[in-house]
Amino acid sequence: MSETLETEVLAAIEAAGDEASLEAIRVAELGKKGRISEMMKGLGKMSPEERKTEGPRLNGLRDRVQSAITERREVLADAAIAARLATETVDVTLPVRSSPAARGRIHPISQVIDEITAIYADMGFAIAEGPDIETDYYNFTALNFPEGHPAREMHDTFFLQPDESGARKVLRTHTSPVQIRTMETQKPPIRIIIPGKTYRQDSDATHSPMFHQVEGLVVDKSANIGNLKWVLEEFCKAFFEVDSLKMRFRPSFFPFTEPSMEVDIQCDRSRPGEVRFGEGDDWMEILGCGMVHPNVLRAGGLDPDVYQGFAWGMGIDRIAMLKYGMPDLRAFFDADIRWIEHYGFRPLDMPTLFGGLSQ
């Protein structure tokens, strides 16, 4: 009977098509209530002479069945792996997906702010910041804007609803309020730049209701226009990455500086759609500057008979457009992935004066 059983069980093992079927055979034959297991239990009821014969025979049967099951399981496992390899193929000719760090892009505004920061940090300037929502005092009065000045009008400024006292705060129209806040809390010498968002009611290809400015402020006992001209010239040469650059200072008017000047820089516009700086015979207005007005120094808590300073400001969005050839300011804020992929910068290429600003 054991020979017939062995033949039957080995044939069933060989015919098992998957591991589930093979496990069912193992349980049926070698499990606690399996046929071979039940036969092994009967050894205890046999005489010593019968056990000497049946014991080795049943143990051999059990071992051969167990070995057959183990071998068949290995064969089925290899077959399963082969089947997966056949269906889960990888086309090695397909391009590898780029990593998030490789796909991501730094917005040009963030890039240009980093470039500006790197240049002025090399000159010893610190960064100062202030609130986007300002009081009328810090945005206008402390900066020597007289009552009735056009910049105070509703058509230019975003006014908020009046508070309990009737005072209306504004979305700051420039970063200049940070000059006053800094002078109130920091003793001279002061050497800061102030990058940040500003707000005015204007919108076209070169203007946006929300835009970015950077201002600089130096206050000391001996600050003068010569220092101002040197700082601006060194900045423009470093930012536009040219060895030399001619600058032209024209008289102008700003309430918070006296004297006030507009600054033009040398450029070449002879090539259609292209502006090159540091060469040519054309001029382009780039920023405004001047010596800090005595009234502004007084508003900051400083004595204009002891201290003097100079300040300047420029539009970050505009100089980004000039440097990188972007024709429309409105595209900066459209969140168009195609635009940022074209004009954006790789996130790990940090601008440095020794490694290159625009990488």
Protein backbone atom coordinates (compact mmCIF):
# COMPACT_ATOMS: atom_id res chain seq x y z
CA MET A 1 0.00 0.00 0.00
CA SER A 2 2.84 2.43 0.81
CA GLU A 3 4.36 1.93 -2.65
CA THR A 4 1.05 2.76 -4.29
CA LEU A 5 0.61 5.77 -1.98
CA GLU A 6 4.10 7.03 -2.76
CA THR A 7 3.54 6.77 -6.49
CA GLU A 8 0.22 8.58 -6.19
CA VAL A 9 1.59 11.39 -4.00
CA LEU A 10 4.74 11.95 -6.09
CA ALA A 11 2.61 12.14 -9.24
CA ALA A 12 0.32 14.71 -7.60
CA ILE A 13 3.35 16.76 -6.51
CA GLU A 14 4.77 16.72 -10.02
CA ALA A 15 1.42 17.82 -11.46
CA ALA A 16 0.98 20.74 -9.03
CA GLY A 17 0.79 23.90 -11.13
CA ASP A 18 1.28 26.52 -8.41
CA GLU A 19 2.41 26.88 -4.85
CA ALA A 20 -1.15 26.91 -3.51
CA SER A 21 -1.84 23.46 -4.98
CA LEU A 22 1.48 22.19 -3.68
CA GLU A 23 0.69 23.40 -0.18
CA ALA A 24 -2.66 21.61 -0.29
CA ILE A 25 -0.85 18.33 -1.08
CA ARG A 26 1.59 18.87 1.78
CA VAL A 27 -1.21 19.43 4.26
CA ALA A 28 -3.15 16.40 2.96
CA GLU A 29 -0.16 14.08 3.28
CA LEU A 30 2.18 15.50 5.95
CA GLY A 31 -0.11 17.73 7.99
CA LYS A 32 -1.32 16.77 11.46
CA LYS A 33 -4.19 14.76 9.99
CA GLY A 34 -2.45 13.84 6.72
CA ARG A 35 -2.39 10.28 5.45
CA ILE A 36 1.32 9.73 5.99
CA SER A 37 1.13 11.39 9.41
CA GLU A 38 -1.70 9.03 10.43
CA MET A 39 0.36 6.06 9.32
CA MET A 40 3.30 7.31 11.42
CA LYS A 41 1.02 7.48 14.48
CA GLY A 42 0.26 3.77 14.05
CA LEU A 43 3.87 2.82 14.78
CA GLY A 44 3.18 3.06 18.51
CA LYS A 45 0.65 0.20 18.36
CA MET A 46 2.98 -2.20 16.53
CA SER A 47 5.21 -4.84 18.04
CA PRO A 48 8.96 -4.18 18.21
CA GLU A 49 9.59 -6.52 15.29
CA GLU A 50 6.97 -4.70 13.13
CA ARG A 51 8.37 -1.27 14.07
CA LYS A 52 11.84 -2.35 12.91
CA THR A 53 10.38 -2.96 9.46
CA GLU A 54 7.62 -0.33 9.17
CA GLY A 55 9.52 2.50 10.91
CA PRO A 56 12.31 2.90 8.32
CA ARG A 57 9.82 2.37 5.49
CA LEU A 58 7.41 5.09 6.70
CA ASN A 59 10.21 7.51 7.62
CA GLY A 60 11.71 7.04 4.17
CA LEU A 61 8.32 7.66 2.55
CA ARG A 62 7.84 10.84 4.57
CA ASP A 63 11.34 12.11 3.71
CA ARG A 64 10.95 11.38 0.00
CA VAL A 65 7.59 13.16 -0.14
CA GLN A 66 9.02 16.14 1.76
CA SER A 67 12.03 16.33 -0.60
CA ALA A 68 9.74 16.11 -3.65
CA ILE A 69 7.60 18.95 -2.30
CA THR A 70 10.69 21.11 -1.63
CA GLU A 71 12.10 20.50 -5.12
CA ARG A 72 8.73 21.21 -6.77
CA ARG A 73 8.38 24.43 -4.76
CA GLU A 74 11.75 25.66 -6.06
CA VAL A 75 10.73 24.84 -9.63
CA LEU A 76 7.44 26.72 -9.24
CA ALA A 77 9.20 29.72 -7.68
CA ASP A 78 11.67 29.90 -10.57
CA ALA A 79 8.79 29.68 -13.04
CA ALA A 80 6.93 32.49 -11.27
CA ILE A 81 10.02 34.73 -11.43
CA ALA A 82 10.47 33.96 -15.12
CA ALA A 83 6.82 34.83 -15.76
CA ARG A 84 7.17 38.16 -13.94
CA LEU A 85 10.32 39.00 -15.85
CA ALA A 86 8.50 38.30 -19.10
CA THR A 87 5.57 40.59 -18.25
CA GLU A 88 7.32 43.32 -16.20
CA THR A 89 9.98 44.30 -18.70
CA VAL A 90 11.78 47.65 -18.53
CA ASP A 91 12.61 49.49 -21.73
CA VAL A 92 16.14 50.68 -21.03
CA THR A 93 16.00 52.89 -24.13
CA LEU A 94 13.48 55.24 -22.45
CA PRO A 95 14.96 58.44 -20.96
CA VAL A 96 15.41 58.46 -17.20
CA ARG A 97 13.03 60.74 -15.34
CA SER A 98 14.84 63.74 -13.98
CA SER A 99 14.85 64.34 -10.22
CA PRO A 100 12.75 67.09 -8.59
CA ALA A 101 15.94 69.09 -8.04
CA ALA A 102 16.73 68.89 -11.75
CA ARG A 103 13.15 69.72 -12.85
CA GLY A 104 12.57 72.58 -10.38
CA ARG A 105 13.37 76.17 -11.29
CA ILE A 106 14.10 79.32 -9.28
CA HIS A 107 11.88 82.23 -10.30
CA PRO A 108 13.86 85.06 -11.96
CA ILE A 109 12.76 87.51 -9.25
CA SER A 110 14.18 85.25 -6.52
CA GLN A 111 17.33 84.79 -8.59
CA VAL A 112 17.83 88.54 -9.07
CA ILE A 113 17.23 89.25 -5.37
CA ASP A 114 19.93 86.68 -4.57
CA GLU A 115 22.27 88.35 -7.08
CA ILE A 116 21.63 91.80 -5.60
CA THR A 117 22.18 90.43 -2.09
CA ALA A 118 25.46 88.79 -3.07
CA ILE A 119 26.80 92.04 -4.59
CA TYR A 120 25.87 94.31 -1.70
CA ALA A 121 26.90 91.79 0.95
CA ASP A 122 30.37 91.89 -0.58
CA MET A 123 30.33 95.67 0.02
CA GLY A 124 29.39 95.18 3.67
CA PHE A 125 25.64 95.87 3.46
CA ALA A 126 23.05 94.13 5.63
CA ILE A 127 19.48 93.26 4.62
CA ALA A 128 16.57 95.07 6.29
CA GLU A 129 12.86 94.26 6.02
CA GLY A 130 9.57 95.84 7.01
CA PRO A 131 5.80 95.25 6.84
CA ASP A 132 3.90 95.34 3.55
CA ILE A 133 0.98 97.12 5.27
CA GLU A 134 2.14 100.53 6.47
CA THR A 135 0.77 103.56 8.23
CA ASP A 136 0.38 106.86 6.43
CA TYR A 137 3.13 108.23 8.68
CA TYR A 138 5.84 105.76 7.66
CA ASN A 139 4.80 105.57 4.02
CA PHE A 140 4.40 109.32 3.43
CA THR A 141 4.78 111.80 6.29
CA ALA A 142 8.11 110.62 7.71
CA LEU A 143 9.51 110.56 4.17
CA ASN A 144 8.75 114.26 3.65
CA PHE A 145 5.68 113.82 1.44
CA PRO A 146 3.63 116.99 1.97
CA GLU A 147 -0.12 116.92 2.41
CA GLY A 148 -1.83 116.87 -0.98
CA HIS A 149 1.13 115.16 -2.72
CA PRO A 150 -0.12 113.19 -5.78
CA ALA A 151 1.31 109.93 -4.41
CA ARG A 152 -1.22 110.12 -1.57
CA GLU A 153 -4.16 110.08 -3.94
CA MET A 154 -6.48 107.08 -4.29
CA HIS A 155 -5.67 106.66 -7.99
CA ASP A 156 -2.10 105.66 -7.11
CA THR A 157 -2.23 104.09 -3.65
CA PHE A 158 -4.07 101.06 -2.24
CA PHE A 159 -5.75 102.34 0.93
CA LEU A 160 -7.30 99.96 3.45
CA GLN A 161 -10.57 100.57 5.28
CA PRO A 162 -10.32 103.07 8.18
CA ASP A 163 -9.77 101.60 11.66
CA GLU A 164 -11.65 102.58 14.87
CA SER A 165 -9.79 105.91 15.04
CA GLY A 166 -10.48 106.72 11.38
CA ALA A 167 -6.86 106.20 10.29
CA ARG A 168 -6.30 104.31 7.05
CA LYS A 169 -3.32 102.06 6.48
CA VAL A 170 -1.89 101.50 3.01
CA LEU A 171 -0.14 98.81 1.04
CA ARG A 172 3.30 100.37 0.95
CA THR A 173 4.03 102.17 -2.31
CA HIS A 174 7.80 101.81 -1.89
CA THR A 175 10.31 100.15 0.45
CA SER A 176 11.42 103.55 1.83
CA PRO A 177 9.44 103.21 5.11
CA VAL A 178 12.06 100.66 6.19
CA GLN A 179 14.61 103.50 6.12
CA ILE A 180 12.71 105.29 8.90
CA ARG A 181 12.15 102.09 10.90
CA THR A 182 15.85 101.26 10.69
CA MET A 183 17.01 104.72 11.75
CA GLU A 184 14.62 104.58 14.71
CA THR A 185 16.13 101.32 16.00
CA GLN A 186 19.76 101.37 14.85
CA LYS A 187 22.50 103.85 15.56
CA PRO A 188 24.75 105.01 12.68
CA PRO A 189 26.75 103.96 10.83
CA ILE A 190 23.93 102.36 8.86
CA ARG A 191 24.54 100.39 5.66
CA ILE A 192 21.48 98.43 4.49
CA ILE A 193 19.63 97.27 1.41
CA ILE A 194 15.87 96.71 1.46
CA PRO A 195 14.43 94.27 -1.12
CA GLY A 196 10.69 93.69 -0.99
CA LYS A 197 7.23 93.89 -2.50
CA THR A 198 5.51 97.21 -3.20
CA TYR A 199 2.04 98.10 -4.46
CA ARG A 200 0.62 100.76 -6.81
CA GLN A 201 -2.45 100.96 -9.01
CA ASP A 202 -0.82 100.44 -12.38
CA SER A 203 -0.77 97.57 -14.87
CA ASP A 204 0.72 97.16 -18.35
CA ALA A 205 3.64 95.40 -20.03
CA THR A 206 6.17 97.17 -17.79
CA HIS A 207 4.06 97.86 -14.66
CA SER A 208 2.23 95.62 -12.19
CA PRO A 209 -0.03 96.41 -9.20
CA MET A 210 2.39 94.36 -7.09
CA PHE A 211 6.07 94.65 -7.96
CA HIS A 212 9.48 94.42 -6.32
CA GLN A 213 11.92 97.13 -5.36
CA VAL A 214 15.31 97.27 -3.71
CA GLU A 215 16.51 100.34 -1.84
CA GLY A 216 19.83 101.13 -0.27
CA LEU A 217 20.59 103.43 2.63
CA VAL A 218 23.90 104.64 4.05
CA VAL A 219 23.97 107.00 7.03
CA ASP A 220 27.21 108.17 8.59
CA LYS A 221 28.96 111.38 9.57
CA SER A 222 30.91 111.56 6.31
CA ALA A 223 28.67 109.87 3.71
CA ASN A 224 28.74 111.84 0.44
CA ILE A 225 27.78 111.79 -3.22
CA GLY A 226 31.20 110.43 -4.19
CA ASN A 227 30.52 107.36 -2.05
CA LEU A 228 27.07 107.04 -3.64
CA LYS A 229 28.43 107.15 -7.19
CA TRP A 230 31.06 104.50 -6.39
CA VAL A 231 28.51 102.13 -4.82
CA LEU A 232 26.13 102.41 -7.77
CA GLU A 233 28.85 102.01 -10.37
CA GLU A 234 30.28 98.92 -8.67
CA PHE A 235 26.82 97.42 -8.35
CA CYS A 236 25.89 97.95 -12.00
CA LYS A 237 29.20 96.52 -13.24
CA ALA A 238 28.80 93.44 -11.06
CA PHE A 239 25.09 92.92 -11.79
CA PHE A 240 25.33 93.28 -15.57
CA GLU A 241 28.68 91.45 -15.49
CA VAL A 242 30.70 93.97 -17.48
CA ASP A 243 34.22 95.25 -16.81
CA SER A 244 33.46 98.93 -17.27
CA LEU A 245 30.31 101.04 -17.44
CA LYS A 246 29.65 104.74 -17.96
CA MET A 247 26.96 106.35 -15.82
CA ARG A 248 25.16 109.66 -16.14
CA PHE A 249 23.61 111.46 -13.16
CA ARG A 250 20.75 113.86 -14.00
CA PRO A 251 19.07 116.28 -11.55
CA SER A 252 15.61 115.14 -10.45
CA PHE A 253 13.22 115.46 -7.52
CA PHE A 254 12.14 113.05 -4.79
CA PRO A 255 10.58 114.28 -1.52
CA PHE A 256 12.92 112.18 0.61
CA THR A 257 16.28 113.19 -0.96
CA GLU A 258 18.02 116.51 -1.62
CA PRO A 259 19.74 116.77 -4.02
CA SER A 260 17.98 114.05 -6.04
CA MET A 261 19.24 112.39 -9.21
CA GLU A 262 18.17 109.97 -11.91
CA VAL A 263 20.90 107.60 -13.08
CA ASP A 264 21.38 106.50 -16.69
CA ILE A 265 23.78 103.76 -17.74
CA GLN A 266 25.60 103.26 -21.01
CA CYS A 267 24.05 100.76 -23.43
CA ASP A 268 23.90 99.66 -27.06
CA ARG A 269 20.49 99.14 -28.72
CA SER A 270 21.69 98.78 -32.30
CA ARG A 271 20.71 95.09 -32.44
CA PRO A 272 16.93 94.55 -32.74
CA GLY A 273 15.41 93.23 -29.53
CA GLU A 274 18.73 93.31 -27.65
CA VAL A 275 20.28 95.70 -25.14
CA ARG A 276 23.97 95.48 -24.25
CA PHE A 277 25.39 97.34 -21.29
CA GLY A 278 28.88 98.76 -20.97
CA GLU A 279 29.13 99.57 -24.69
CA GLY A 280 27.51 101.78 -27.33
CA ASP A 281 26.37 105.40 -27.32
CA ASP A 282 22.83 105.08 -25.93
CA TRP A 283 21.63 105.72 -22.38
CA MET A 284 19.00 103.97 -20.26
CA GLU A 285 17.49 105.26 -17.03
CA ILE A 286 18.03 102.61 -14.34
CA LEU A 287 17.38 104.07 -10.86
CA GLY A 288 16.83 107.11 -8.68
CA CYS A 289 19.07 108.30 -5.85
CA GLY A 290 20.17 111.25 -3.77
CA MET A 291 21.33 112.52 -0.40
CA VAL A 292 18.85 111.79 2.41
CA HIS A 293 16.69 114.86 3.13
CA PRO A 294 17.32 116.45 6.56
CA ASN A 295 13.61 116.08 7.39
CA VAL A 296 13.86 112.32 6.82
CA LEU A 297 16.88 112.11 9.13
CA ARG A 298 14.93 114.01 11.79
CA ALA A 299 11.96 111.66 11.39
CA GLY A 300 14.37 108.78 11.99
CA GLY A 301 15.58 110.37 15.21
CA LEU A 302 18.95 111.56 13.86
CA ASP A 303 20.47 115.04 13.94
CA PRO A 304 21.08 116.25 10.33
CA ASP A 305 23.81 118.57 11.64
CA VAL A 306 25.76 115.49 12.76
CA TYR A 307 24.76 112.78 10.31
CA GLN A 308 24.17 112.68 6.58
CA GLY A 309 23.37 109.85 4.24
CA PHE A 310 22.53 108.76 0.74
CA ALA A 311 19.86 106.45 -0.62
CA TRP A 312 18.85 104.90 -3.91
CA GLY A 313 16.12 102.64 -5.27
CA MET A 314 15.36 100.58 -8.34
CA GLY A 315 12.78 98.13 -9.63
CA ILE A 316 13.91 94.51 -9.28
CA ASP A 317 11.44 93.32 -11.92
CA ARG A 318 12.72 95.90 -14.40
CA ILE A 319 16.42 95.10 -14.04
CA ALA A 320 15.55 91.39 -14.28
CA MET A 321 13.80 92.10 -17.59
CA LEU A 322 16.79 94.09 -18.83
CA LYS A 323 19.38 91.50 -17.86
CA TYR A 324 17.56 88.37 -19.00
CA GLY A 325 15.58 89.69 -21.96
CA MET A 326 12.01 89.26 -20.71
CA PRO A 327 9.60 91.37 -22.77
CA ASP A 328 6.51 91.48 -20.52
CA LEU A 329 6.38 92.02 -16.77
CA ARG A 330 2.93 90.46 -16.46
CA ALA A 331 4.34 87.02 -17.33
CA PHE A 332 6.27 87.11 -14.03
CA PHE A 333 3.03 86.48 -12.17
CA ASP A 334 1.13 84.18 -14.58
CA ALA A 335 2.41 80.92 -13.00
CA ASP A 336 2.94 79.46 -16.48
CA ILE A 337 5.14 76.35 -16.15
CA ARG A 338 6.43 76.81 -19.71
CA TRP A 339 7.62 80.33 -18.89
CA ILE A 340 9.40 79.31 -15.68
CA GLU A 341 11.06 76.36 -17.46
CA HIS A 342 12.42 78.77 -20.06
CA TYR A 343 13.45 81.70 -17.85
CA GLY A 344 13.94 79.94 -14.50
CA PHE A 345 17.26 79.01 -12.88
CA ARG A 346 18.52 75.72 -11.51
CA PRO A 347 17.96 75.69 -7.74
CA LEU A 348 21.45 74.57 -6.70
CA ASP A 349 23.29 77.24 -8.73
CA MET A 350 23.62 79.93 -6.08
CA PRO A 351 24.88 83.31 -7.37
CA THR A 352 28.29 84.31 -6.06
CA LEU A 353 30.76 86.99 -7.09
CA PHE A 354 33.53 84.46 -7.60
CA GLY A 355 31.43 81.73 -9.21
CA GLY A 356 29.26 83.98 -11.41
CA LEU A 357 25.94 85.62 -10.68
CA SER A 358 23.78 84.11 -13.42
CA GLN A 359 25.74 80.80 -13.59
